[in-house]
Amino acid sequence: MAVKINIDAGHGSQTAGKRTPPFPRDVKISDKLVVKKGEQLREHIANAGVAILLEKELLRCGFETFRTGWNDSNALDDPDTPVSERQEAVSKAGCDYSISIHFNAYGDGKTFNTAEGVGVYIHDKYYGKSKKLAEIVLKKLAGGTKQKNRGITAENLAMCNCNKMKTKAAIIAELAFMTNEREALTMMANESFWKECAVEIAQGMCEYVGVKYIPENYIPTKSITPKSSKADILWAQERLNMVLPGWLPKLNIDGIYGPKTRIAVLVYWDVLGWGKHMEDDGKKIGKATLKALTEGRKK
């Protein structure tokens, strides 16, 4: 049974006060997201941005995921779900671990100041096995973009209360300060930094649990069958969705080599003009198919 991890995107898209001071210049985060001079970046937008990327990292590594504080790739319409409801949802979902994503703040929130750095929080009483997880994740985060390491802090914070959520460990990662001009403009408002943090947290989770981290550019080297690793099957499903014709419904990226994945393999052989689909059941993706999927070949 896969390890289940809750990914929490702190606050909500319209939560009062949870935003940067006005930006001194335009900052482009992505083609769809630009913070203009005088505007404020809401914390939840960055929190959810990291959460979305973290989920992809964890799924690829074979974990099962759960979401609180966000539900899809649109972070602009997420309500601020009370922490008690989030705790209950995590508990009911049977999550093994919980990671809550945040950006820190200091001062009145109206002007930038010098408070800076990355840190991780655990509960001051009901922390379970969180300290070790916090140490490993913080080591990864602090080893990336150069920041002040603020260490591990124990406080009575809801989203790291293992007792309430019935998790083995739970942490809150404060990735940078949204009230520090440099960190707000170059880290919080930076999609590349979001990706970096997602990778580092996933690497920390893998190290803690004792599983191999699977990088984004990972390519399987062995034939893929229903008995292959979840990471290999996930890779195959993602690649099949990229090369199959539009009339075929997209595969659910779940790491399970079921009937729909088998049919997708058969259809792909047909797309490539291979006669193999007439004499095979589609339960094995061999070297030739791996090569075609890696190259993104469509015919």
C-alpha atoms as a PDB file:
ATOM      1  CA  MET A   1       0.000   0.000   0.000  1.00  0.00           C
ATOM      2  CA  ALA A   2       1.365   3.376  -1.063  1.00  0.00           C
ATOM      3  CA  VAL A   3       2.380   6.003   1.469  1.00  0.00           C
ATOM      4  CA  LYS A   4      -0.234   8.768   1.437  1.00  0.00           C
ATOM      5  CA  ILE A   5       0.893  12.371   1.834  1.00  0.00           C
ATOM      6  CA  ASN A   6      -1.360  15.351   2.340  1.00  0.00           C
ATOM      7  CA  ILE A   7      -0.240  18.491   0.518  1.00  0.00           C
ATOM      8  CA  ASP A   8      -1.698  21.599   2.108  1.00  0.00           C
ATOM      9  CA  ALA A   9      -1.666  24.983   0.371  1.00  0.00           C
ATOM     10  CA  GLY A  10      -1.904  27.467   3.213  1.00  0.00           C
ATOM     11  CA  HIS A  11      -4.763  29.974   3.534  1.00  0.00           C
ATOM     12  CA  GLY A  12      -7.148  30.855   0.686  1.00  0.00           C
ATOM     13  CA  SER A  13      -6.891  32.960  -2.448  1.00  0.00           C
ATOM     14  CA  GLN A  14      -8.781  35.874  -0.875  1.00  0.00           C
ATOM     15  CA  THR A  15      -7.574  35.623   2.742  1.00  0.00           C
ATOM     16  CA  ALA A  16      -7.113  39.111   4.132  1.00  0.00           C
ATOM     17  CA  GLY A  17      -3.583  40.173   4.958  1.00  0.00           C
ATOM     18  CA  LYS A  18      -1.866  37.122   3.501  1.00  0.00           C
ATOM     19  CA  ARG A  19      -0.047  38.954   0.729  1.00  0.00           C
ATOM     20  CA  THR A  20       3.106  40.889   0.008  1.00  0.00           C
ATOM     21  CA  PRO A  21       3.497  44.651   0.325  1.00  0.00           C
ATOM     22  CA  PRO A  22       3.021  46.459  -3.038  1.00  0.00           C
ATOM     23  CA  PHE A  23       5.646  45.434  -5.604  1.00  0.00           C
ATOM     24  CA  PRO A  24       8.123  48.161  -6.622  1.00  0.00           C
ATOM     25  CA  ARG A  25       8.209  46.864 -10.212  1.00  0.00           C
ATOM     26  CA  ASP A  26       6.484  44.471 -12.591  1.00  0.00           C
ATOM     27  CA  VAL A  27       7.349  40.798 -12.068  1.00  0.00           C
ATOM     28  CA  LYS A  28       6.392  38.072 -14.537  1.00  0.00           C
ATOM     29  CA  ILE A  29       5.817  34.735 -12.829  1.00  0.00           C
ATOM     30  CA  SER A  30       4.446  32.954 -15.905  1.00  0.00           C
ATOM     31  CA  ASP A  31       2.723  33.780 -19.171  1.00  0.00           C
ATOM     32  CA  LYS A  32      -0.585  33.873 -17.295  1.00  0.00           C
ATOM     33  CA  LEU A  33       0.548  35.489 -14.068  1.00  0.00           C
ATOM     34  CA  VAL A  34       2.174  38.912 -13.829  1.00  0.00           C
ATOM     35  CA  VAL A  35       2.336  41.052 -10.694  1.00  0.00           C
ATOM     36  CA  LYS A  36       2.387  44.666 -11.789  1.00  0.00           C
ATOM     37  CA  LYS A  37       4.077  47.544 -10.005  1.00  0.00           C
ATOM     38  CA  GLY A  38       1.919  48.585  -7.023  1.00  0.00           C
ATOM     39  CA  GLU A  39       0.082  45.244  -6.884  1.00  0.00           C
ATOM     40  CA  GLN A  40       0.400  42.623  -4.147  1.00  0.00           C
ATOM     41  CA  LEU A  41       1.010  38.920  -4.585  1.00  0.00           C
ATOM     42  CA  ARG A  42      -1.331  36.802  -2.479  1.00  0.00           C
ATOM     43  CA  GLU A  43       0.424  34.144  -0.451  1.00  0.00           C
ATOM     44  CA  HIS A  44      -1.972  31.387  -1.461  1.00  0.00           C
ATOM     45  CA  ILE A  45      -1.111  31.807  -5.138  1.00  0.00           C
ATOM     46  CA  ALA A  46       2.517  30.940  -4.390  1.00  0.00           C
ATOM     47  CA  ASN A  47       1.558  28.266  -1.842  1.00  0.00           C
ATOM     48  CA  ALA A  48      -0.675  26.524  -4.366  1.00  0.00           C
ATOM     49  CA  GLY A  49       1.936  26.946  -7.091  1.00  0.00           C
ATOM     50  CA  VAL A  50       4.411  24.946  -5.022  1.00  0.00           C
ATOM     51  CA  ALA A  51       1.725  22.438  -3.960  1.00  0.00           C
ATOM     52  CA  ILE A  52       0.756  21.663  -7.562  1.00  0.00           C
ATOM     53  CA  LEU A  53       4.369  20.991  -8.501  1.00  0.00           C
ATOM     54  CA  LEU A  54       5.016  19.013  -5.316  1.00  0.00           C
ATOM     55  CA  GLU A  55       2.109  16.699  -6.068  1.00  0.00           C
ATOM     56  CA  LYS A  56       3.608  15.881  -9.474  1.00  0.00           C
ATOM     57  CA  GLU A  57       6.948  15.131  -7.841  1.00  0.00           C
ATOM     58  CA  LEU A  58       5.451  12.865  -5.189  1.00  0.00           C
ATOM     59  CA  LEU A  59       3.188  10.991  -7.604  1.00  0.00           C
ATOM     60  CA  ARG A  60       6.116  10.292  -9.899  1.00  0.00           C
ATOM     61  CA  CYS A  61       8.007   8.848  -6.926  1.00  0.00           C
ATOM     62  CA  GLY A  62       5.179   6.423  -6.175  1.00  0.00           C
ATOM     63  CA  PHE A  63       3.412   8.213  -3.312  1.00  0.00           C
ATOM     64  CA  GLU A  64      -0.327   8.640  -3.031  1.00  0.00           C
ATOM     65  CA  THR A  65      -1.418  12.232  -2.439  1.00  0.00           C
ATOM     66  CA  PHE A  66      -4.270  14.121  -0.819  1.00  0.00           C
ATOM     67  CA  ARG A  67      -5.093  17.826  -1.076  1.00  0.00           C
ATOM     68  CA  THR A  68      -6.221  20.370   1.481  1.00  0.00           C
ATOM     69  CA  GLY A  69      -6.569  24.090   0.802  1.00  0.00           C
ATOM     70  CA  TRP A  70      -6.613  23.573  -2.967  1.00  0.00           C
ATOM     71  CA  ASN A  71      -8.407  21.345  -5.445  1.00  0.00           C
ATOM     72  CA  ASP A  72      -6.969  21.948  -8.915  1.00  0.00           C
ATOM     73  CA  SER A  73      -4.523  24.023 -10.927  1.00  0.00           C
ATOM     74  CA  ASN A  74      -6.584  27.210 -10.482  1.00  0.00           C
ATOM     75  CA  ALA A  75      -5.433  28.869  -7.270  1.00  0.00           C
ATOM     76  CA  LEU A  76      -7.599  31.956  -7.745  1.00  0.00           C
ATOM     77  CA  ASP A  77     -10.838  30.458  -6.453  1.00  0.00           C
ATOM     78  CA  ASP A  78      -9.722  28.473  -3.385  1.00  0.00           C
ATOM     79  CA  PRO A  79     -11.652  29.340  -0.209  1.00  0.00           C
ATOM     80  CA  ASP A  80      -9.838  29.631   3.102  1.00  0.00           C
ATOM     81  CA  THR A  81     -10.926  26.314   4.594  1.00  0.00           C
ATOM     82  CA  PRO A  82     -10.798  26.408   8.414  1.00  0.00           C
ATOM     83  CA  VAL A  83      -7.845  24.467   9.789  1.00  0.00           C
ATOM     84  CA  SER A  84     -10.186  22.272  11.848  1.00  0.00           C
ATOM     85  CA  GLU A  85     -11.848  21.120   8.616  1.00  0.00           C
ATOM     86  CA  ARG A  86      -8.474  20.507   7.032  1.00  0.00           C
ATOM     87  CA  GLN A  87      -7.350  18.447  10.021  1.00  0.00           C
ATOM     88  CA  GLU A  88     -10.514  16.364   9.884  1.00  0.00           C
ATOM     89  CA  ALA A  89     -10.141  15.787   6.146  1.00  0.00           C
ATOM     90  CA  VAL A  90      -6.543  14.612   6.568  1.00  0.00           C
ATOM     91  CA  SER A  91      -7.582  12.282   9.369  1.00  0.00           C
ATOM     92  CA  LYS A  92     -10.492  10.786   7.410  1.00  0.00           C
ATOM     93  CA  ALA A  93      -8.309  10.298   4.351  1.00  0.00           C
ATOM     94  CA  GLY A  94      -5.893   8.181   6.362  1.00  0.00           C
ATOM     95  CA  CYS A  95      -2.825  10.197   5.422  1.00  0.00           C
ATOM     96  CA  ASP A  96       0.524   9.023   6.719  1.00  0.00           C
ATOM     97  CA  TYR A  97       2.132  12.465   6.509  1.00  0.00           C
ATOM     98  CA  SER A  98       1.174  16.082   5.930  1.00  0.00           C
ATOM     99  CA  ILE A  99       3.199  18.917   4.421  1.00  0.00           C
ATOM    100  CA  SER A 100       1.806  22.447   4.552  1.00  0.00           C
ATOM    101  CA  ILE A 101       3.263  25.031   2.181  1.00  0.00           C
ATOM    102  CA  HIS A 102       3.626  28.667   3.269  1.00  0.00           C
ATOM    103  CA  PHE A 103       5.596  31.869   2.779  1.00  0.00           C
ATOM    104  CA  ASN A 104       6.513  33.688   5.962  1.00  0.00           C
ATOM    105  CA  ALA A 105       5.791  37.284   7.020  1.00  0.00           C
ATOM    106  CA  TYR A 106       7.012  39.833   9.540  1.00  0.00           C
ATOM    107  CA  GLY A 107       5.991  43.365  10.461  1.00  0.00           C
ATOM    108  CA  ASP A 108       2.889  45.289   9.479  1.00  0.00           C
ATOM    109  CA  GLY A 109       2.611  43.718   6.026  1.00  0.00           C
ATOM    110  CA  LYS A 110       2.485  47.133   4.361  1.00  0.00           C
ATOM    111  CA  THR A 111       6.208  47.644   3.835  1.00  0.00           C
ATOM    112  CA  PHE A 112       9.148  45.363   3.175  1.00  0.00           C
ATOM    113  CA  ASN A 113      11.714  44.682   5.908  1.00  0.00           C
ATOM    114  CA  THR A 114      14.860  42.629   6.481  1.00  0.00           C
ATOM    115  CA  ALA A 115      13.362  39.438   7.991  1.00  0.00           C
ATOM    116  CA  GLU A 116      14.439  36.582   5.729  1.00  0.00           C
ATOM    117  CA  GLY A 117      15.091  32.902   5.296  1.00  0.00           C
ATOM    118  CA  VAL A 118      13.627  29.420   5.136  1.00  0.00           C
ATOM    119  CA  GLY A 119      12.402  27.379   8.091  1.00  0.00           C
ATOM    120  CA  VAL A 120      10.261  24.410   9.064  1.00  0.00           C
ATOM    121  CA  TYR A 121       7.698  24.158  11.865  1.00  0.00           C
ATOM    122  CA  ILE A 122       6.597  21.163  13.897  1.00  0.00           C
ATOM    123  CA  HIS A 123       4.028  20.976  16.688  1.00  0.00           C
ATOM    124  CA  ASP A 124       5.263  21.772  20.172  1.00  0.00           C
ATOM    125  CA  LYS A 125       3.392  18.877  21.774  1.00  0.00           C
ATOM    126  CA  TYR A 126       1.815  16.529  19.238  1.00  0.00           C
ATOM    127  CA  TYR A 127       4.672  16.226  16.785  1.00  0.00           C
ATOM    128  CA  GLY A 128       4.902  12.435  16.408  1.00  0.00           C
ATOM    129  CA  LYS A 129       7.945  11.689  14.232  1.00  0.00           C
ATOM    130  CA  SER A 130       7.964  15.146  12.684  1.00  0.00           C
ATOM    131  CA  LYS A 131      11.362  16.308  13.928  1.00  0.00           C
ATOM    132  CA  LYS A 132      13.347  13.915  11.744  1.00  0.00           C
ATOM    133  CA  LEU A 133      11.214  14.705   8.700  1.00  0.00           C
ATOM    134  CA  ALA A 134      11.644  18.425   9.353  1.00  0.00           C
ATOM    135  CA  GLU A 135      15.417  18.036   9.617  1.00  0.00           C
ATOM    136  CA  ILE A 136      15.689  16.213   6.301  1.00  0.00           C
ATOM    137  CA  VAL A 137      13.330  18.530   4.394  1.00  0.00           C
ATOM    138  CA  LEU A 138      15.032  21.639   5.775  1.00  0.00           C
ATOM    139  CA  LYS A 139      18.433  20.247   4.801  1.00  0.00           C
ATOM    140  CA  LYS A 140      17.209  19.907   1.225  1.00  0.00           C
ATOM    141  CA  LEU A 141      15.573  23.353   1.136  1.00  0.00           C
ATOM    142  CA  ALA A 142      18.576  25.085   2.679  1.00  0.00           C
ATOM    143  CA  GLY A 143      20.855  23.361   0.204  1.00  0.00           C
ATOM    144  CA  GLY A 144      19.209  25.046  -2.771  1.00  0.00           C
ATOM    145  CA  THR A 145      18.879  28.771  -3.400  1.00  0.00           C
ATOM    146  CA  LYS A 146      21.063  30.572  -0.862  1.00  0.00           C
ATOM    147  CA  GLN A 147      18.934  31.684   2.102  1.00  0.00           C
ATOM    148  CA  LYS A 148      19.251  32.164   5.821  1.00  0.00           C
ATOM    149  CA  ASN A 149      18.496  28.865   7.539  1.00  0.00           C
ATOM    150  CA  ARG A 150      16.040  29.669  10.331  1.00  0.00           C
ATOM    151  CA  GLY A 151      16.012  26.109  11.607  1.00  0.00           C
ATOM    152  CA  ILE A 152      13.150  24.086  13.061  1.00  0.00           C
ATOM    153  CA  THR A 153      10.610  25.784  15.298  1.00  0.00           C
ATOM    154  CA  ALA A 154       8.107  24.018  17.572  1.00  0.00           C
ATOM    155  CA  GLU A 155       4.778  25.828  17.973  1.00  0.00           C
ATOM    156  CA  ASN A 156       1.121  25.059  18.559  1.00  0.00           C
ATOM    157  CA  LEU A 157       0.138  25.187  14.886  1.00  0.00           C
ATOM    158  CA  ALA A 158      -2.851  23.245  13.583  1.00  0.00           C
ATOM    159  CA  MET A 159      -1.386  21.866  10.365  1.00  0.00           C
ATOM    160  CA  CYS A 160       1.467  20.132  12.155  1.00  0.00           C
ATOM    161  CA  ASN A 161      -0.664  18.611  14.916  1.00  0.00           C
ATOM    162  CA  CYS A 162      -0.173  14.884  14.349  1.00  0.00           C
ATOM    163  CA  ASN A 163      -2.664  14.012  17.058  1.00  0.00           C
ATOM    164  CA  LYS A 164      -5.560  15.817  15.375  1.00  0.00           C
ATOM    165  CA  MET A 165      -4.698  14.624  11.885  1.00  0.00           C
ATOM    166  CA  LYS A 166      -3.679  11.120  12.969  1.00  0.00           C
ATOM    167  CA  THR A 167      -0.470  11.321  10.933  1.00  0.00           C
ATOM    168  CA  LYS A 168       2.960   9.912  11.678  1.00  0.00           C
ATOM    169  CA  ALA A 169       4.533  13.297  11.005  1.00  0.00           C
ATOM    170  CA  ALA A 170       3.404  16.740   9.856  1.00  0.00           C
ATOM    171  CA  ILE A 171       5.378  19.845   9.018  1.00  0.00           C
ATOM    172  CA  ILE A 172       4.849  23.403   7.826  1.00  0.00           C
ATOM    173  CA  ALA A 173       7.474  24.663   5.384  1.00  0.00           C
ATOM    174  CA  GLU A 174       7.968  28.447   5.352  1.00  0.00           C
ATOM    175  CA  LEU A 175       9.866  28.808   2.095  1.00  0.00           C
ATOM    176  CA  ALA A 176      10.797  32.515   2.153  1.00  0.00           C
ATOM    177  CA  PHE A 177       9.560  35.842   3.501  1.00  0.00           C
ATOM    178  CA  MET A 178       6.893  37.639   1.489  1.00  0.00           C
ATOM    179  CA  THR A 179       7.695  40.780   3.494  1.00  0.00           C
ATOM    180  CA  ASN A 180      11.313  40.761   2.342  1.00  0.00           C
ATOM    181  CA  GLU A 181      11.620  42.559  -0.982  1.00  0.00           C
ATOM    182  CA  ARG A 182      14.366  40.350  -2.404  1.00  0.00           C
ATOM    183  CA  GLU A 183      12.707  37.110  -1.367  1.00  0.00           C
ATOM    184  CA  ALA A 184       9.243  38.252  -2.460  1.00  0.00           C
ATOM    185  CA  LEU A 185      10.352  39.354  -5.921  1.00  0.00           C
ATOM    186  CA  THR A 186      12.946  36.674  -6.702  1.00  0.00           C
ATOM    187  CA  MET A 187      11.590  33.648  -4.794  1.00  0.00           C
ATOM    188  CA  MET A 188       7.912  33.926  -3.939  1.00  0.00           C
ATOM    189  CA  ALA A 189       7.146  35.438  -7.350  1.00  0.00           C
ATOM    190  CA  ASN A 190       9.329  32.948  -9.209  1.00  0.00           C
ATOM    191  CA  GLU A 191       7.945  29.776 -10.778  1.00  0.00           C
ATOM    192  CA  SER A 192      11.445  28.302 -10.983  1.00  0.00           C
ATOM    193  CA  PHE A 193      11.829  28.729  -7.216  1.00  0.00           C
ATOM    194  CA  TRP A 194       8.457  27.036  -6.716  1.00  0.00           C
ATOM    195  CA  LYS A 195       9.704  24.075  -8.749  1.00  0.00           C
ATOM    196  CA  GLU A 196      12.997  23.995  -6.854  1.00  0.00           C
ATOM    197  CA  CYS A 197      11.179  23.864  -3.506  1.00  0.00           C
ATOM    198  CA  ALA A 198       8.820  21.149  -4.759  1.00  0.00           C
ATOM    199  CA  VAL A 199      11.765  19.018  -5.860  1.00  0.00           C
ATOM    200  CA  GLU A 200      13.640  19.561  -2.587  1.00  0.00           C
ATOM    201  CA  ILE A 201      10.632  18.714  -0.421  1.00  0.00           C
ATOM    202  CA  ALA A 202       9.976  15.585  -2.498  1.00  0.00           C
ATOM    203  CA  GLN A 203      13.634  14.570  -2.206  1.00  0.00           C
ATOM    204  CA  GLY A 204      13.396  15.036   1.557  1.00  0.00           C
ATOM    205  CA  MET A 205      10.231  12.957   1.751  1.00  0.00           C
ATOM    206  CA  CYS A 206      11.838  10.188  -0.290  1.00  0.00           C
ATOM    207  CA  GLU A 207      14.941  10.177   1.905  1.00  0.00           C
ATOM    208  CA  TYR A 208      12.821  10.075   5.057  1.00  0.00           C
ATOM    209  CA  VAL A 209      10.661   7.175   3.875  1.00  0.00           C
ATOM    210  CA  GLY A 210      13.576   5.362   2.267  1.00  0.00           C
ATOM    211  CA  VAL A 211      12.500   5.313  -1.373  1.00  0.00           C
ATOM    212  CA  LYS A 212      14.371   6.393  -4.487  1.00  0.00           C
ATOM    213  CA  TYR A 213      13.672   9.897  -5.761  1.00  0.00           C
ATOM    214  CA  ILE A 214      12.613   9.783  -9.417  1.00  0.00           C
ATOM    215  CA  PRO A 215      13.662  12.947 -11.295  1.00  0.00           C
ATOM    216  CA  GLU A 216      11.477  14.576 -13.918  1.00  0.00           C
ATOM    217  CA  ASN A 217      13.740  13.495 -16.770  1.00  0.00           C
ATOM    218  CA  TYR A 218      13.647   9.883 -15.602  1.00  0.00           C
ATOM    219  CA  ILE A 219      13.399   7.284 -18.352  1.00  0.00           C
ATOM    220  CA  PRO A 220      12.719   3.614 -17.511  1.00  0.00           C
ATOM    221  CA  THR A 221      15.359   1.163 -18.689  1.00  0.00           C
ATOM    222  CA  LYS A 222      13.376  -2.057 -18.307  1.00  0.00           C
ATOM    223  CA  SER A 223      10.189  -3.306 -19.916  1.00  0.00           C
ATOM    224  CA  ILE A 224       7.043  -2.050 -18.201  1.00  0.00           C
ATOM    225  CA  THR A 225       4.344  -4.506 -17.126  1.00  0.00           C
ATOM    226  CA  PRO A 226       1.489  -4.485 -14.591  1.00  0.00           C
ATOM    227  CA  LYS A 227       4.055  -5.616 -12.012  1.00  0.00           C
ATOM    228  CA  SER A 228       6.478  -2.737 -12.663  1.00  0.00           C
ATOM    229  CA  SER A 229       7.102   0.078 -10.208  1.00  0.00           C
ATOM    230  CA  LYS A 230       4.482   2.773  -9.895  1.00  0.00           C
ATOM    231  CA  ALA A 231       7.021   5.324 -11.104  1.00  0.00           C
ATOM    232  CA  ASP A 232       7.556   3.408 -14.364  1.00  0.00           C
ATOM    233  CA  ILE A 233       3.836   2.974 -14.979  1.00  0.00           C
ATOM    234  CA  LEU A 234       3.198   6.653 -14.231  1.00  0.00           C
ATOM    235  CA  TRP A 235       5.895   7.552 -16.755  1.00  0.00           C
ATOM    236  CA  ALA A 236       4.284   5.339 -19.383  1.00  0.00           C
ATOM    237  CA  GLN A 237       0.809   6.771 -18.763  1.00  0.00           C
ATOM    238  CA  GLU A 238       2.061  10.348 -19.008  1.00  0.00           C
ATOM    239  CA  ARG A 239       3.917   9.577 -22.243  1.00  0.00           C
ATOM    240  CA  LEU A 240       0.970   7.710 -23.765  1.00  0.00           C
ATOM    241  CA  ASN A 241      -1.283  10.698 -23.115  1.00  0.00           C
ATOM    242  CA  MET A 242       1.182  12.840 -25.065  1.00  0.00           C
ATOM    243  CA  VAL A 243       1.274  10.675 -28.193  1.00  0.00           C
ATOM    244  CA  LEU A 244      -2.152   9.047 -28.522  1.00  0.00           C
ATOM    245  CA  PRO A 245      -4.792  10.411 -30.919  1.00  0.00           C
ATOM    246  CA  GLY A 246      -7.322  12.916 -29.591  1.00  0.00           C
ATOM    247  CA  TRP A 247     -10.287  10.586 -29.977  1.00  0.00           C
ATOM    248  CA  LEU A 248      -8.965   8.280 -27.259  1.00  0.00           C
ATOM    249  CA  PRO A 249      -9.868   9.424 -23.719  1.00  0.00           C
ATOM    250  CA  LYS A 250      -6.854  10.492 -21.670  1.00  0.00           C
ATOM    251  CA  LEU A 251      -5.522   7.967 -19.206  1.00  0.00           C
ATOM    252  CA  ASN A 252      -5.896   8.602 -15.510  1.00  0.00           C
ATOM    253  CA  ILE A 253      -2.321   9.040 -14.263  1.00  0.00           C
ATOM    254  CA  ASP A 254      -2.556   6.650 -11.325  1.00  0.00           C
ATOM    255  CA  GLY A 255       0.388   4.283 -11.699  1.00  0.00           C
ATOM    256  CA  ILE A 256      -1.907   1.277 -12.206  1.00  0.00           C
ATOM    257  CA  TYR A 257      -1.391  -0.782 -15.365  1.00  0.00           C
ATOM    258  CA  GLY A 258      -5.069  -1.628 -15.826  1.00  0.00           C
ATOM    259  CA  PRO A 259      -7.301  -2.341 -18.852  1.00  0.00           C
ATOM    260  CA  LYS A 260      -7.327   1.291 -20.090  1.00  0.00           C
ATOM    261  CA  THR A 261      -3.533   1.479 -20.054  1.00  0.00           C
ATOM    262  CA  ARG A 262      -3.354  -1.857 -21.861  1.00  0.00           C
ATOM    263  CA  ILE A 263      -5.767  -0.596 -24.555  1.00  0.00           C
ATOM    264  CA  ALA A 264      -3.755   2.621 -24.863  1.00  0.00           C
ATOM    265  CA  VAL A 265      -0.636   0.544 -25.542  1.00  0.00           C
ATOM    266  CA  LEU A 266      -2.468  -1.411 -28.248  1.00  0.00           C
ATOM    267  CA  VAL A 267      -3.732   1.802 -29.849  1.00  0.00           C
ATOM    268  CA  TYR A 268      -0.220   3.271 -29.749  1.00  0.00           C
ATOM    269  CA  TRP A 269       1.185   0.267 -31.601  1.00  0.00           C
ATOM    270  CA  ASP A 270      -1.495   0.781 -34.231  1.00  0.00           C
ATOM    271  CA  VAL A 271      -0.583   4.495 -34.480  1.00  0.00           C
ATOM    272  CA  LEU A 272       3.042   3.497 -35.066  1.00  0.00           C
ATOM    273  CA  GLY A 273       1.963   1.106 -37.806  1.00  0.00           C
ATOM    274  CA  TRP A 274       3.124  -1.954 -35.952  1.00  0.00           C
ATOM    275  CA  GLY A 275       1.289  -5.223 -36.486  1.00  0.00           C
ATOM    276  CA  LYS A 276       2.133  -6.270 -32.942  1.00  0.00           C
ATOM    277  CA  HIS A 277      -1.274  -5.194 -31.670  1.00  0.00           C
ATOM    278  CA  MET A 278      -2.881  -8.030 -33.618  1.00  0.00           C
ATOM    279  CA  GLU A 279      -1.021 -10.706 -31.676  1.00  0.00           C
ATOM    280  CA  ASP A 280      -0.366  -9.186 -28.242  1.00  0.00           C
ATOM    281  CA  ASP A 281      -2.477  -8.255 -25.216  1.00  0.00           C
ATOM    282  CA  GLY A 282      -0.705  -4.942 -24.532  1.00  0.00           C
ATOM    283  CA  LYS A 283       0.503  -5.958 -21.089  1.00  0.00           C
ATOM    284  CA  LYS A 284       4.158  -5.314 -21.818  1.00  0.00           C
ATOM    285  CA  ILE A 285       5.869  -2.145 -22.993  1.00  0.00           C
ATOM    286  CA  GLY A 286       9.123  -3.407 -24.434  1.00  0.00           C
ATOM    287  CA  LYS A 287      12.326  -1.661 -25.485  1.00  0.00           C
ATOM    288  CA  ALA A 288      11.047  -0.551 -28.890  1.00  0.00           C
ATOM    289  CA  THR A 289       7.929   1.000 -27.393  1.00  0.00           C
ATOM    290  CA  LEU A 290       9.959   2.619 -24.620  1.00  0.00           C
ATOM    291  CA  LYS A 291      12.192   4.194 -27.249  1.00  0.00           C
ATOM    292  CA  ALA A 292       9.209   5.475 -29.233  1.00  0.00           C
ATOM    293  CA  LEU A 293       7.573   6.924 -26.108  1.00  0.00           C
ATOM    294  CA  THR A 294      10.826   8.563 -25.040  1.00  0.00           C
ATOM    295  CA  GLU A 295      11.143  10.204 -28.451  1.00  0.00           C
ATOM    296  CA  GLY A 296       7.465  11.200 -28.477  1.00  0.00           C
ATOM    297  CA  ARG A 297       7.012   9.383 -31.783  1.00  0.00           C
ATOM    298  CA  LYS A 298       3.493   9.501 -33.214  1.00  0.00           C
ATOM    299  CA  LYS A 299       3.940   7.463 -36.379  1.00  0.00           C
END
